[in-house]
Amino acid sequence: MFTGIVETRSRILEIGKTSSGFGLRIDLAPLAGDGAWGTGHAGLGDSIAVSGPCLTVSSLEGSIAAFDVVAETASRTTIPDWRPGRLVNLERSVPAGGRMGGHFVTGHIDGRARVLAVRRVGEGLEIDFAIPAGCGQFVAEKGSVALDGTSLTVARLLNDSGFRVALVPHTLGATTLCDVKTGDEVNFEADILARYAARLMGVDHGLTEEKLRDAGFM
């Protein structure tokens, strides 16, 4: 579990296709300081949110970590577009009893959200995104989303297929979202509470008055 409060950024050293998906190597040295969860960058088998997706450290040489990305993860994320030298957001998983600074983030990506517009507002930015297919019911005004692993509040729903977020200067300075431009895509994760609420309310199954009556609720 993560919070969506990005701890630091680092660059991809290597990335390439494998028989099962992709493999990448990242220097985790920026995590070695006194971060949100204490000292030490990471250990073998640890979970790291890498610009959104939850990835497991499969090998470690000093501070250089290797990650394996399965085909399912690659198909839902922007990872196939990543190249060496790209900056990525990093966050370690929250320890038991850790402080929840953002919202509950799983690192399980729902899809890719395309940037529709970017506007400078004072020292911050407003960015409009297209909602990934099938995720419209999970996005609510003033609700939470995670974009490239960053916890953000939906400032406004544009229509049934778009939403706006407002980024303050701190977020711009601490994450890779400062560099997005129209047409780019980011990793989108819906709020897990919204997912379960939609499931319980029958969104996935088309809850209707007739079905409620047939089940004896009316």
N, C-alpha and C. Protein backbone atom coordinates (compact mmCIF):
# COMPACT_ATOMS: atom_id res chain seq x y z
N MET A 1 0.84 -1.19 0.00
CA MET A 1 0.00 0.00 0.00
C MET A 1 0.88 1.24 0.00
N PHE A 2 0.45 2.26 -0.73
CA PHE A 2 1.18 3.52 -0.82
C PHE A 2 0.24 4.67 -0.46
N THR A 3 0.79 5.89 -0.42
CA THR A 3 -0.01 7.06 -0.08
C THR A 3 -0.18 8.02 -1.24
N GLY A 4 0.65 7.88 -2.27
CA GLY A 4 0.62 8.85 -3.36
C GLY A 4 1.42 10.10 -3.07
N ILE A 5 2.14 10.11 -1.94
CA ILE A 5 3.04 11.22 -1.62
C ILE A 5 4.44 10.81 -2.10
N VAL A 6 4.83 11.31 -3.24
CA VAL A 6 6.10 10.91 -3.87
C VAL A 6 7.27 11.31 -2.98
N GLU A 7 8.16 10.35 -2.74
CA GLU A 7 9.32 10.63 -1.88
C GLU A 7 10.44 11.31 -2.64
N THR A 8 10.69 10.86 -3.85
CA THR A 8 11.79 11.41 -4.63
C THR A 8 11.64 10.98 -6.08
N ARG A 9 12.57 11.41 -6.91
CA ARG A 9 12.61 11.01 -8.31
C ARG A 9 13.98 10.43 -8.63
N SER A 10 14.02 9.58 -9.64
CA SER A 10 15.29 9.04 -10.11
C SER A 10 15.15 8.73 -11.59
N ARG A 11 16.27 8.42 -12.22
CA ARG A 11 16.25 8.15 -13.66
C ARG A 11 16.37 6.66 -13.95
N ILE A 12 15.72 6.25 -15.01
CA ILE A 12 15.84 4.87 -15.48
C ILE A 12 17.22 4.69 -16.09
N LEU A 13 17.93 3.68 -15.64
CA LEU A 13 19.26 3.39 -16.18
C LEU A 13 19.17 2.49 -17.40
N GLU A 14 18.33 1.47 -17.31
CA GLU A 14 18.15 0.53 -18.42
C GLU A 14 16.71 0.06 -18.45
N ILE A 15 16.22 -0.23 -19.65
CA ILE A 15 14.91 -0.84 -19.80
C ILE A 15 14.89 -1.62 -21.11
N GLY A 16 14.27 -2.77 -21.09
CA GLY A 16 14.22 -3.58 -22.29
C GLY A 16 13.18 -4.67 -22.18
N LYS A 17 12.81 -5.22 -23.31
CA LYS A 17 11.81 -6.28 -23.33
C LYS A 17 12.43 -7.59 -22.85
N THR A 18 11.60 -8.39 -22.21
CA THR A 18 12.01 -9.72 -21.77
C THR A 18 10.97 -10.73 -22.28
N SER A 19 11.19 -12.00 -21.99
CA SER A 19 10.25 -13.03 -22.43
C SER A 19 8.89 -12.89 -21.77
N SER A 20 8.85 -12.23 -20.58
CA SER A 20 7.58 -12.12 -19.85
C SER A 20 7.04 -10.70 -19.80
N GLY A 21 7.75 -9.74 -20.36
CA GLY A 21 7.30 -8.35 -20.34
C GLY A 21 8.45 -7.39 -20.52
N PHE A 22 8.83 -6.70 -19.43
CA PHE A 22 9.93 -5.75 -19.48
C PHE A 22 10.79 -5.91 -18.24
N GLY A 23 12.04 -5.50 -18.36
CA GLY A 23 12.93 -5.42 -17.22
C GLY A 23 13.53 -4.03 -17.18
N LEU A 24 13.69 -3.48 -15.98
CA LEU A 24 14.31 -2.16 -15.88
C LEU A 24 15.18 -2.07 -14.65
N ARG A 25 16.13 -1.14 -14.71
CA ARG A 25 17.05 -0.89 -13.60
C ARG A 25 17.00 0.58 -13.26
N ILE A 26 16.92 0.88 -11.96
CA ILE A 26 16.81 2.24 -11.48
C ILE A 26 17.72 2.41 -10.27
N ASP A 27 18.36 3.57 -10.17
CA ASP A 27 19.19 3.86 -9.01
C ASP A 27 18.28 4.39 -7.89
N LEU A 28 18.22 3.64 -6.77
CA LEU A 28 17.38 4.03 -5.65
C LEU A 28 18.13 4.86 -4.61
N ALA A 29 19.34 5.32 -4.96
CA ALA A 29 20.12 6.11 -4.01
C ALA A 29 19.36 7.32 -3.47
N PRO A 30 18.52 8.00 -4.28
CA PRO A 30 17.78 9.15 -3.72
C PRO A 30 16.86 8.80 -2.56
N LEU A 31 16.52 7.50 -2.38
CA LEU A 31 15.67 7.08 -1.27
C LEU A 31 16.46 6.81 0.01
N ALA A 32 17.78 6.93 -0.05
CA ALA A 32 18.61 6.51 1.08
C ALA A 32 18.61 7.48 2.24
N GLY A 33 18.13 8.70 2.05
CA GLY A 33 18.14 9.68 3.13
C GLY A 33 17.00 9.45 4.10
N ASP A 34 16.83 10.39 4.99
CA ASP A 34 15.75 10.31 5.98
C ASP A 34 14.44 10.69 5.31
N GLY A 35 13.83 9.73 4.64
CA GLY A 35 12.57 9.98 3.96
C GLY A 35 11.40 9.79 4.88
N ALA A 36 10.23 9.66 4.28
CA ALA A 36 9.00 9.57 5.07
C ALA A 36 9.01 8.36 5.98
N TRP A 37 9.67 7.26 5.56
CA TRP A 37 9.61 6.02 6.35
C TRP A 37 10.96 5.66 6.97
N GLY A 38 11.83 6.65 7.12
CA GLY A 38 13.09 6.38 7.81
C GLY A 38 14.24 6.18 6.84
N THR A 39 15.36 5.68 7.34
CA THR A 39 16.57 5.57 6.55
C THR A 39 16.60 4.28 5.75
N GLY A 40 17.52 4.24 4.79
CA GLY A 40 17.68 3.06 3.96
C GLY A 40 16.84 3.16 2.71
N HIS A 41 17.45 2.84 1.52
CA HIS A 41 16.71 3.03 0.27
C HIS A 41 15.68 1.94 0.04
N ALA A 42 16.07 0.69 0.08
CA ALA A 42 15.15 -0.43 -0.17
C ALA A 42 15.91 -1.72 0.01
N GLY A 43 15.17 -2.82 0.05
CA GLY A 43 15.78 -4.13 0.15
C GLY A 43 15.23 -5.08 -0.89
N LEU A 44 15.89 -6.20 -1.05
CA LEU A 44 15.44 -7.21 -2.00
C LEU A 44 14.02 -7.65 -1.66
N GLY A 45 13.14 -7.66 -2.65
CA GLY A 45 11.75 -8.06 -2.44
C GLY A 45 10.83 -6.93 -2.02
N ASP A 46 11.37 -5.74 -1.78
CA ASP A 46 10.53 -4.62 -1.38
C ASP A 46 9.64 -4.15 -2.53
N SER A 47 8.52 -3.55 -2.18
CA SER A 47 7.62 -2.97 -3.17
C SER A 47 7.90 -1.47 -3.29
N ILE A 48 8.05 -1.02 -4.52
CA ILE A 48 8.29 0.39 -4.82
C ILE A 48 7.28 0.84 -5.87
N ALA A 49 6.62 1.97 -5.62
CA ALA A 49 5.76 2.56 -6.64
C ALA A 49 6.65 3.36 -7.57
N VAL A 50 6.73 2.94 -8.83
CA VAL A 50 7.59 3.59 -9.82
C VAL A 50 6.69 4.31 -10.81
N SER A 51 6.51 5.61 -10.59
CA SER A 51 5.57 6.41 -11.38
C SER A 51 4.21 5.73 -11.47
N GLY A 52 3.79 5.18 -10.35
CA GLY A 52 2.46 4.58 -10.27
C GLY A 52 2.46 3.09 -10.04
N PRO A 53 2.93 2.27 -11.00
CA PRO A 53 2.88 0.82 -10.83
C PRO A 53 3.68 0.34 -9.64
N CYS A 54 3.10 -0.60 -8.89
CA CYS A 54 3.80 -1.25 -7.78
C CYS A 54 4.72 -2.32 -8.36
N LEU A 55 6.03 -2.15 -8.19
CA LEU A 55 7.01 -3.09 -8.71
C LEU A 55 7.86 -3.65 -7.57
N THR A 56 8.31 -4.88 -7.74
CA THR A 56 9.09 -5.56 -6.71
C THR A 56 10.56 -5.55 -7.07
N VAL A 57 11.41 -5.22 -6.10
CA VAL A 57 12.86 -5.25 -6.32
C VAL A 57 13.28 -6.71 -6.47
N SER A 58 13.69 -7.10 -7.70
CA SER A 58 14.05 -8.49 -7.97
C SER A 58 15.53 -8.76 -7.75
N SER A 59 16.36 -7.73 -7.84
CA SER A 59 17.78 -7.87 -7.51
C SER A 59 18.31 -6.49 -7.15
N LEU A 60 19.41 -6.49 -6.39
CA LEU A 60 19.94 -5.24 -5.87
C LEU A 60 21.46 -5.30 -5.86
N GLU A 61 22.08 -4.34 -6.52
CA GLU A 61 23.54 -4.21 -6.52
C GLU A 61 23.85 -2.81 -6.01
N GLY A 62 24.23 -2.73 -4.72
CA GLY A 62 24.38 -1.41 -4.12
C GLY A 62 23.01 -0.75 -4.07
N SER A 63 22.90 0.42 -4.69
CA SER A 63 21.61 1.11 -4.74
C SER A 63 20.89 0.90 -6.07
N ILE A 64 21.48 0.09 -6.96
CA ILE A 64 20.88 -0.14 -8.28
C ILE A 64 19.92 -1.32 -8.18
N ALA A 65 18.64 -1.05 -8.38
CA ALA A 65 17.60 -2.06 -8.26
C ALA A 65 17.10 -2.48 -9.63
N ALA A 66 16.83 -3.78 -9.77
CA ALA A 66 16.23 -4.32 -10.98
C ALA A 66 14.79 -4.69 -10.69
N PHE A 67 13.92 -4.45 -11.66
CA PHE A 67 12.50 -4.76 -11.53
C PHE A 67 12.04 -5.55 -12.75
N ASP A 68 11.17 -6.53 -12.53
CA ASP A 68 10.54 -7.26 -13.63
C ASP A 68 9.10 -6.78 -13.77
N VAL A 69 8.70 -6.51 -15.01
CA VAL A 69 7.35 -6.02 -15.30
C VAL A 69 6.65 -7.05 -16.16
N VAL A 70 5.57 -7.65 -15.64
CA VAL A 70 4.85 -8.66 -16.40
C VAL A 70 4.01 -8.00 -17.49
N ALA A 71 3.59 -8.81 -18.44
CA ALA A 71 2.85 -8.29 -19.61
C ALA A 71 1.57 -7.59 -19.20
N GLU A 72 0.86 -8.11 -18.19
CA GLU A 72 -0.39 -7.48 -17.75
C GLU A 72 -0.15 -6.06 -17.28
N THR A 73 0.90 -5.86 -16.48
CA THR A 73 1.23 -4.52 -16.00
C THR A 73 1.62 -3.62 -17.17
N ALA A 74 2.43 -4.13 -18.05
CA ALA A 74 2.87 -3.33 -19.19
C ALA A 74 1.70 -2.89 -20.06
N SER A 75 0.70 -3.77 -20.22
CA SER A 75 -0.42 -3.47 -21.10
C SER A 75 -1.30 -2.34 -20.58
N ARG A 76 -1.28 -2.11 -19.27
CA ARG A 76 -2.15 -1.09 -18.67
C ARG A 76 -1.43 0.22 -18.38
N THR A 77 -0.12 0.24 -18.54
CA THR A 77 0.68 1.38 -18.09
C THR A 77 1.46 2.01 -19.25
N THR A 78 2.17 3.07 -18.91
CA THR A 78 3.01 3.76 -19.90
C THR A 78 4.41 3.14 -19.99
N ILE A 79 4.66 2.07 -19.26
CA ILE A 79 6.00 1.49 -19.22
C ILE A 79 6.56 1.15 -20.60
N PRO A 80 5.77 0.63 -21.56
CA PRO A 80 6.34 0.36 -22.88
C PRO A 80 6.91 1.60 -23.58
N ASP A 81 6.52 2.80 -23.12
CA ASP A 81 7.02 4.03 -23.73
C ASP A 81 8.25 4.57 -23.00
N TRP A 82 8.63 3.97 -21.88
CA TRP A 82 9.75 4.49 -21.11
C TRP A 82 11.07 4.20 -21.81
N ARG A 83 12.03 5.10 -21.61
CA ARG A 83 13.36 4.97 -22.19
C ARG A 83 14.41 5.30 -21.13
N PRO A 84 15.66 4.84 -21.32
CA PRO A 84 16.73 5.19 -20.38
C PRO A 84 16.85 6.71 -20.26
N GLY A 85 17.08 7.17 -19.03
CA GLY A 85 17.21 8.60 -18.78
C GLY A 85 15.92 9.26 -18.33
N ARG A 86 14.80 8.57 -18.47
CA ARG A 86 13.52 9.13 -18.06
C ARG A 86 13.45 9.26 -16.54
N LEU A 87 12.94 10.38 -16.05
CA LEU A 87 12.71 10.56 -14.63
C LEU A 87 11.43 9.85 -14.22
N VAL A 88 11.46 9.16 -13.09
CA VAL A 88 10.27 8.49 -12.57
C VAL A 88 10.09 8.86 -11.10
N ASN A 89 8.83 8.87 -10.67
CA ASN A 89 8.50 9.12 -9.27
C ASN A 89 8.71 7.84 -8.46
N LEU A 90 9.21 7.97 -7.24
CA LEU A 90 9.45 6.81 -6.39
C LEU A 90 8.78 7.00 -5.03
N GLU A 91 8.14 5.93 -4.57
CA GLU A 91 7.61 5.90 -3.20
C GLU A 91 7.70 4.49 -2.66
N ARG A 92 8.24 4.34 -1.46
CA ARG A 92 8.25 3.05 -0.79
C ARG A 92 6.88 2.75 -0.19
N SER A 93 6.60 1.47 0.00
CA SER A 93 5.32 1.10 0.59
C SER A 93 5.25 1.60 2.03
N VAL A 94 4.03 1.82 2.50
CA VAL A 94 3.80 2.35 3.84
C VAL A 94 3.95 1.23 4.87
N PRO A 95 4.76 1.42 5.90
CA PRO A 95 4.86 0.40 6.95
C PRO A 95 3.61 0.41 7.82
N ALA A 96 3.36 -0.67 8.53
CA ALA A 96 2.22 -0.74 9.45
C ALA A 96 2.33 0.40 10.46
N GLY A 97 1.28 1.17 10.57
CA GLY A 97 1.28 2.30 11.49
C GLY A 97 1.87 3.56 10.90
N GLY A 98 2.26 3.50 9.61
CA GLY A 98 2.83 4.67 8.96
C GLY A 98 1.79 5.75 8.73
N ARG A 99 2.25 6.95 8.52
CA ARG A 99 1.37 8.09 8.34
C ARG A 99 0.77 8.07 6.93
N MET A 100 -0.55 8.26 6.85
CA MET A 100 -1.24 8.29 5.56
C MET A 100 -1.37 9.75 5.13
N GLY A 101 -0.43 10.18 4.29
CA GLY A 101 -0.39 11.59 3.91
C GLY A 101 -1.25 11.94 2.72
N GLY A 102 -1.55 10.95 1.86
CA GLY A 102 -2.35 11.22 0.68
C GLY A 102 -3.67 10.48 0.75
N HIS A 103 -3.79 9.40 -0.05
CA HIS A 103 -4.95 8.51 0.07
C HIS A 103 -4.48 7.09 -0.17
N PHE A 104 -5.36 6.11 -0.02
CA PHE A 104 -4.96 4.72 -0.18
C PHE A 104 -4.65 4.44 -1.66
N VAL A 105 -3.40 4.16 -1.95
CA VAL A 105 -2.94 3.89 -3.31
C VAL A 105 -2.36 2.48 -3.34
N THR A 106 -2.80 1.67 -4.28
CA THR A 106 -2.36 0.27 -4.34
C THR A 106 -1.20 0.05 -5.30
N GLY A 107 -1.02 0.94 -6.27
CA GLY A 107 -0.02 0.70 -7.30
C GLY A 107 -0.52 -0.20 -8.40
N HIS A 108 -1.84 -0.50 -8.41
CA HIS A 108 -2.45 -1.31 -9.46
C HIS A 108 -3.13 -0.36 -10.45
N ILE A 109 -2.53 -0.21 -11.60
CA ILE A 109 -2.94 0.82 -12.56
C ILE A 109 -4.17 0.38 -13.35
N ASP A 110 -5.12 1.31 -13.48
CA ASP A 110 -6.35 1.03 -14.23
C ASP A 110 -6.19 1.30 -15.72
N GLY A 111 -5.34 2.26 -16.07
CA GLY A 111 -5.18 2.59 -17.48
C GLY A 111 -4.33 3.83 -17.66
N ARG A 112 -4.29 4.31 -18.89
CA ARG A 112 -3.49 5.48 -19.24
C ARG A 112 -4.41 6.67 -19.47
N ALA A 113 -4.13 7.77 -18.77
CA ALA A 113 -4.92 9.00 -18.92
C ALA A 113 -4.16 9.98 -19.80
N ARG A 114 -4.79 10.42 -20.88
CA ARG A 114 -4.15 11.34 -21.82
C ARG A 114 -4.35 12.79 -21.40
N VAL A 115 -3.29 13.59 -21.52
CA VAL A 115 -3.34 15.00 -21.18
C VAL A 115 -4.08 15.76 -22.29
N LEU A 116 -5.15 16.46 -21.90
CA LEU A 116 -5.94 17.23 -22.86
C LEU A 116 -5.49 18.68 -22.95
N ALA A 117 -5.07 19.25 -21.83
CA ALA A 117 -4.65 20.65 -21.81
C ALA A 117 -3.84 20.92 -20.56
N VAL A 118 -2.91 21.86 -20.68
CA VAL A 118 -2.08 22.29 -19.54
C VAL A 118 -2.11 23.81 -19.49
N ARG A 119 -2.44 24.37 -18.32
CA ARG A 119 -2.52 25.81 -18.18
C ARG A 119 -1.75 26.26 -16.93
N ARG A 120 -0.98 27.32 -17.09
CA ARG A 120 -0.30 27.92 -15.96
C ARG A 120 -1.29 28.80 -15.20
N VAL A 121 -1.41 28.59 -13.90
CA VAL A 121 -2.28 29.38 -13.04
C VAL A 121 -1.43 29.87 -11.88
N GLY A 122 -1.01 31.12 -11.93
CA GLY A 122 -0.09 31.62 -10.92
C GLY A 122 1.21 30.84 -10.97
N GLU A 123 1.61 30.29 -9.82
CA GLU A 123 2.82 29.47 -9.77
C GLU A 123 2.52 27.99 -9.91
N GLY A 124 1.25 27.64 -10.10
CA GLY A 124 0.87 26.25 -10.25
C GLY A 124 0.39 25.93 -11.65
N LEU A 125 -0.14 24.73 -11.81
CA LEU A 125 -0.67 24.30 -13.10
C LEU A 125 -2.05 23.69 -12.92
N GLU A 126 -2.89 23.86 -13.92
CA GLU A 126 -4.12 23.10 -14.06
C GLU A 126 -3.95 22.19 -15.26
N ILE A 127 -4.24 20.90 -15.07
CA ILE A 127 -4.07 19.94 -16.15
C ILE A 127 -5.38 19.19 -16.34
N ASP A 128 -5.84 19.12 -17.58
CA ASP A 128 -7.04 18.37 -17.92
C ASP A 128 -6.65 17.02 -18.49
N PHE A 129 -7.34 15.96 -18.04
CA PHE A 129 -7.05 14.60 -18.48
C PHE A 129 -8.31 13.93 -19.02
N ALA A 130 -8.12 13.03 -19.95
CA ALA A 130 -9.20 12.15 -20.39
C ALA A 130 -9.26 10.96 -19.45
N ILE A 131 -10.46 10.59 -19.05
CA ILE A 131 -10.63 9.43 -18.17
C ILE A 131 -10.45 8.16 -18.99
N PRO A 132 -9.62 7.23 -18.54
CA PRO A 132 -9.46 5.97 -19.28
C PRO A 132 -10.79 5.24 -19.42
N ALA A 133 -10.92 4.50 -20.50
CA ALA A 133 -12.16 3.75 -20.77
C ALA A 133 -12.51 2.86 -19.58
N GLY A 134 -13.80 2.89 -19.20
CA GLY A 134 -14.29 2.04 -18.14
C GLY A 134 -14.07 2.57 -16.74
N CYS A 135 -13.47 3.77 -16.60
CA CYS A 135 -13.16 4.30 -15.27
C CYS A 135 -14.00 5.51 -14.89
N GLY A 136 -14.94 5.91 -15.75
CA GLY A 136 -15.71 7.11 -15.49
C GLY A 136 -16.47 7.08 -14.17
N GLN A 137 -16.97 5.91 -13.78
CA GLN A 137 -17.77 5.81 -12.56
C GLN A 137 -16.93 5.93 -11.30
N PHE A 138 -15.60 5.88 -11.44
CA PHE A 138 -14.72 5.96 -10.28
C PHE A 138 -14.18 7.37 -10.04
N VAL A 139 -14.51 8.32 -10.92
CA VAL A 139 -13.96 9.67 -10.81
C VAL A 139 -15.06 10.62 -10.35
N ALA A 140 -14.85 11.27 -9.22
CA ALA A 140 -15.84 12.19 -8.66
C ALA A 140 -15.19 13.51 -8.32
N GLU A 141 -15.92 14.60 -8.50
CA GLU A 141 -15.40 15.91 -8.15
C GLU A 141 -15.04 15.94 -6.67
N LYS A 142 -13.84 16.44 -6.37
CA LYS A 142 -13.25 16.50 -5.03
C LYS A 142 -12.86 15.12 -4.50
N GLY A 143 -12.95 14.09 -5.35
CA GLY A 143 -12.46 12.77 -4.99
C GLY A 143 -10.97 12.67 -5.28
N SER A 144 -10.41 11.49 -5.07
CA SER A 144 -8.97 11.28 -5.23
C SER A 144 -8.67 10.40 -6.44
N VAL A 145 -7.55 10.70 -7.09
CA VAL A 145 -6.97 9.85 -8.12
C VAL A 145 -5.46 9.83 -7.90
N ALA A 146 -4.79 8.83 -8.45
CA ALA A 146 -3.33 8.81 -8.45
C ALA A 146 -2.87 8.87 -9.89
N LEU A 147 -2.04 9.84 -10.21
CA LEU A 147 -1.51 10.02 -11.56
C LEU A 147 0.01 9.91 -11.50
N ASP A 148 0.55 8.93 -12.22
CA ASP A 148 1.99 8.62 -12.14
C ASP A 148 2.43 8.50 -10.68
N GLY A 149 1.55 7.88 -9.87
CA GLY A 149 1.87 7.61 -8.47
C GLY A 149 1.69 8.79 -7.54
N THR A 150 1.12 9.90 -8.04
CA THR A 150 0.95 11.11 -7.24
C THR A 150 -0.51 11.26 -6.82
N SER A 151 -0.76 11.38 -5.54
CA SER A 151 -2.12 11.55 -5.02
C SER A 151 -2.60 12.96 -5.33
N LEU A 152 -3.74 13.05 -6.05
CA LEU A 152 -4.29 14.35 -6.43
C LEU A 152 -5.79 14.37 -6.23
N THR A 153 -6.31 15.57 -6.05
CA THR A 153 -7.75 15.77 -5.90
C THR A 153 -8.35 16.20 -7.23
N VAL A 154 -9.48 15.60 -7.58
CA VAL A 154 -10.18 16.01 -8.80
C VAL A 154 -10.80 17.38 -8.54
N ALA A 155 -10.26 18.39 -9.19
CA ALA A 155 -10.76 19.75 -8.99
C ALA A 155 -12.10 19.96 -9.67
N ARG A 156 -12.27 19.32 -10.82
CA ARG A 156 -13.51 19.51 -11.56
C ARG A 156 -13.71 18.38 -12.56
N LEU A 157 -14.95 17.94 -12.71
CA LEU A 157 -15.30 17.03 -13.79
C LEU A 157 -15.63 17.87 -15.00
N LEU A 158 -15.01 17.58 -16.13
CA LEU A 158 -15.23 18.37 -17.34
C LEU A 158 -16.48 17.90 -18.07
N ASN A 159 -16.68 16.61 -18.07
CA ASN A 159 -17.85 15.97 -18.69
C ASN A 159 -17.79 14.51 -18.26
N ASP A 160 -18.43 13.64 -19.00
CA ASP A 160 -18.41 12.23 -18.63
C ASP A 160 -17.07 11.56 -18.95
N SER A 161 -16.19 12.26 -19.63
CA SER A 161 -14.95 11.61 -20.07
C SER A 161 -13.68 12.38 -19.73
N GLY A 162 -13.78 13.43 -18.90
CA GLY A 162 -12.59 14.20 -18.57
C GLY A 162 -12.64 14.79 -17.18
N PHE A 163 -11.48 15.14 -16.63
CA PHE A 163 -11.40 15.76 -15.32
C PHE A 163 -10.19 16.68 -15.26
N ARG A 164 -10.20 17.55 -14.26
CA ARG A 164 -9.13 18.54 -14.09
C ARG A 164 -8.51 18.39 -12.71
N VAL A 165 -7.19 18.55 -12.65
CA VAL A 165 -6.49 18.61 -11.36
C VAL A 165 -5.70 19.91 -11.31
N ALA A 166 -5.46 20.40 -10.10
CA ALA A 166 -4.67 21.61 -9.90
C ALA A 166 -3.42 21.24 -9.10
N LEU A 167 -2.27 21.59 -9.63
CA LEU A 167 -1.00 21.23 -8.99
C LEU A 167 -0.36 22.46 -8.36
N VAL A 168 -0.04 22.36 -7.07
CA VAL A 168 0.62 23.44 -6.36
C VAL A 168 2.12 23.37 -6.65
N PRO A 169 2.85 24.46 -6.39
CA PRO A 169 4.30 24.47 -6.69
C PRO A 169 5.08 23.33 -6.07
N HIS A 170 4.74 22.94 -4.82
CA HIS A 170 5.48 21.84 -4.19
C HIS A 170 5.36 20.56 -5.00
N THR A 171 4.14 20.23 -5.44
CA THR A 171 3.94 19.01 -6.23
C THR A 171 4.71 19.08 -7.54
N LEU A 172 4.71 20.25 -8.17
CA LEU A 172 5.45 20.41 -9.41
C LEU A 172 6.94 20.19 -9.20
N GLY A 173 7.46 20.65 -8.06
CA GLY A 173 8.89 20.52 -7.80
C GLY A 173 9.30 19.13 -7.33
N ALA A 174 8.32 18.35 -6.84
CA ALA A 174 8.64 17.05 -6.23
C ALA A 174 8.31 15.87 -7.13
N THR A 175 7.62 16.09 -8.24
CA THR A 175 7.19 14.99 -9.10
C THR A 175 7.51 15.27 -10.57
N THR A 176 7.26 14.28 -11.39
CA THR A 176 7.51 14.42 -12.83
C THR A 176 6.36 15.11 -13.56
N LEU A 177 5.27 15.42 -12.85
CA LEU A 177 4.12 16.03 -13.52
C LEU A 177 4.40 17.44 -14.01
N CYS A 178 5.49 18.04 -13.56
CA CYS A 178 5.85 19.38 -14.02
C CYS A 178 6.20 19.39 -15.51
N ASP A 179 6.51 18.22 -16.06
CA ASP A 179 6.99 18.15 -17.45
C ASP A 179 5.93 17.69 -18.44
N VAL A 180 4.71 17.37 -17.98
CA VAL A 180 3.72 16.83 -18.92
C VAL A 180 3.25 17.91 -19.88
N LYS A 181 2.89 17.48 -21.07
CA LYS A 181 2.36 18.39 -22.09
C LYS A 181 1.19 17.73 -22.80
N THR A 182 0.44 18.51 -23.52
CA THR A 182 -0.75 18.01 -24.20
C THR A 182 -0.39 16.81 -25.09
N GLY A 183 -1.16 15.76 -24.96
CA GLY A 183 -0.92 14.55 -25.75
C GLY A 183 -0.17 13.48 -25.00
N ASP A 184 0.53 13.84 -23.92
CA ASP A 184 1.22 12.85 -23.10
C ASP A 184 0.21 11.95 -22.40
N GLU A 185 0.67 10.80 -21.94
CA GLU A 185 -0.17 9.91 -21.16
C GLU A 185 0.51 9.61 -19.83
N VAL A 186 -0.30 9.47 -18.78
CA VAL A 186 0.21 9.14 -17.46
C VAL A 186 -0.53 7.92 -16.93
N ASN A 187 0.06 7.28 -15.95
CA ASN A 187 -0.57 6.11 -15.32
C ASN A 187 -1.68 6.57 -14.38
N PHE A 188 -2.86 6.00 -14.57
CA PHE A 188 -4.06 6.41 -13.82
C PHE A 188 -4.49 5.28 -12.89
N GLU A 189 -4.66 5.61 -11.61
CA GLU A 189 -5.24 4.66 -10.66
C GLU A 189 -6.41 5.31 -9.96
N ALA A 190 -7.57 4.68 -10.04
CA ALA A 190 -8.76 5.18 -9.35
C ALA A 190 -8.63 4.92 -7.86
N ASP A 191 -9.34 5.72 -7.07
CA ASP A 191 -9.39 5.52 -5.63
C ASP A 191 -9.98 4.14 -5.34
N ILE A 192 -9.29 3.34 -4.54
CA ILE A 192 -9.75 1.98 -4.25
C ILE A 192 -11.10 2.00 -3.55
N LEU A 193 -11.37 3.02 -2.74
CA LEU A 193 -12.67 3.11 -2.07
C LEU A 193 -13.78 3.34 -3.09
N ALA A 194 -13.48 4.11 -4.14
CA ALA A 194 -14.47 4.34 -5.19
C ALA A 194 -14.76 3.04 -5.94
N ARG A 195 -13.73 2.23 -6.14
CA ARG A 195 -13.91 0.94 -6.83
C ARG A 195 -14.88 0.05 -6.05
N TYR A 196 -14.64 -0.07 -4.75
CA TYR A 196 -15.48 -0.95 -3.94
C TYR A 196 -16.89 -0.40 -3.79
N ALA A 197 -16.99 0.93 -3.66
CA ALA A 197 -18.31 1.53 -3.55
C ALA A 197 -19.12 1.26 -4.82
N ALA A 198 -18.47 1.40 -5.98
CA ALA A 198 -19.16 1.15 -7.24
C ALA A 198 -19.58 -0.32 -7.34
N ARG A 199 -18.72 -1.20 -6.88
CA ARG A 199 -19.03 -2.63 -6.92
C ARG A 199 -20.22 -2.95 -6.03
N LEU A 200 -20.21 -2.40 -4.82
CA LEU A 200 -21.28 -2.67 -3.87
C LEU A 200 -22.61 -2.07 -4.32
N MET A 201 -22.53 -0.93 -5.02
CA MET A 201 -23.75 -0.28 -5.50
C MET A 201 -24.25 -0.88 -6.80
N GLY A 202 -23.50 -1.84 -7.34
CA GLY A 202 -23.96 -2.54 -8.52
C GLY A 202 -23.64 -1.87 -9.83
N VAL A 203 -22.68 -0.92 -9.84
CA VAL A 203 -22.35 -0.25 -11.09
C VAL A 203 -21.90 -1.24 -12.14
N ASP A 204 -21.13 -2.23 -11.70
CA ASP A 204 -20.59 -3.19 -12.67
C ASP A 204 -21.68 -4.12 -13.21
N HIS A 205 -22.80 -4.19 -12.52
CA HIS A 205 -23.83 -5.14 -12.94
C HIS A 205 -25.12 -4.46 -13.37
N GLY A 206 -25.13 -3.12 -13.40
CA GLY A 206 -26.31 -2.41 -13.87
C GLY A 206 -27.46 -2.48 -12.87
N LEU A 207 -27.28 -1.91 -11.69
CA LEU A 207 -28.33 -1.92 -10.67
C LEU A 207 -29.53 -1.12 -11.16
N THR A 208 -30.70 -1.72 -11.14
CA THR A 208 -31.92 -1.06 -11.59
C THR A 208 -33.02 -1.25 -10.56
N GLU A 209 -34.08 -0.44 -10.68
CA GLU A 209 -35.23 -0.56 -9.79
C GLU A 209 -35.86 -1.93 -9.91
N GLU A 210 -35.91 -2.45 -11.13
CA GLU A 210 -36.50 -3.77 -11.35
C GLU A 210 -35.73 -4.85 -10.61
N LYS A 211 -34.39 -4.77 -10.66
CA LYS A 211 -33.57 -5.77 -9.98
C LYS A 211 -33.73 -5.67 -8.47
N LEU A 212 -33.83 -4.44 -7.95
CA LEU A 212 -34.04 -4.28 -6.52
C LEU A 212 -35.38 -4.89 -6.09
N ARG A 213 -36.41 -4.67 -6.91
CA ARG A 213 -37.74 -5.21 -6.60
C ARG A 213 -37.72 -6.74 -6.62
N ASP A 214 -37.06 -7.31 -7.66
CA ASP A 214 -36.98 -8.75 -7.79
C ASP A 214 -36.23 -9.37 -6.61
N ALA A 215 -35.29 -8.63 -6.05
CA ALA A 215 -34.51 -9.16 -4.94
C ALA A 215 -35.19 -8.92 -3.60
N GLY A 216 -36.36 -8.25 -3.63
CA GLY A 216 -37.11 -8.05 -2.39
C GLY A 216 -36.78 -6.80 -1.62
N PHE A 217 -36.02 -5.88 -2.22
CA PHE A 217 -35.65 -4.66 -1.52
C PHE A 217 -36.72 -3.58 -1.67
N MET A 218 -37.68 -3.76 -2.56
CA MET A 218 -38.73 -2.76 -2.78
C MET A 218 -40.09 -3.43 -2.80
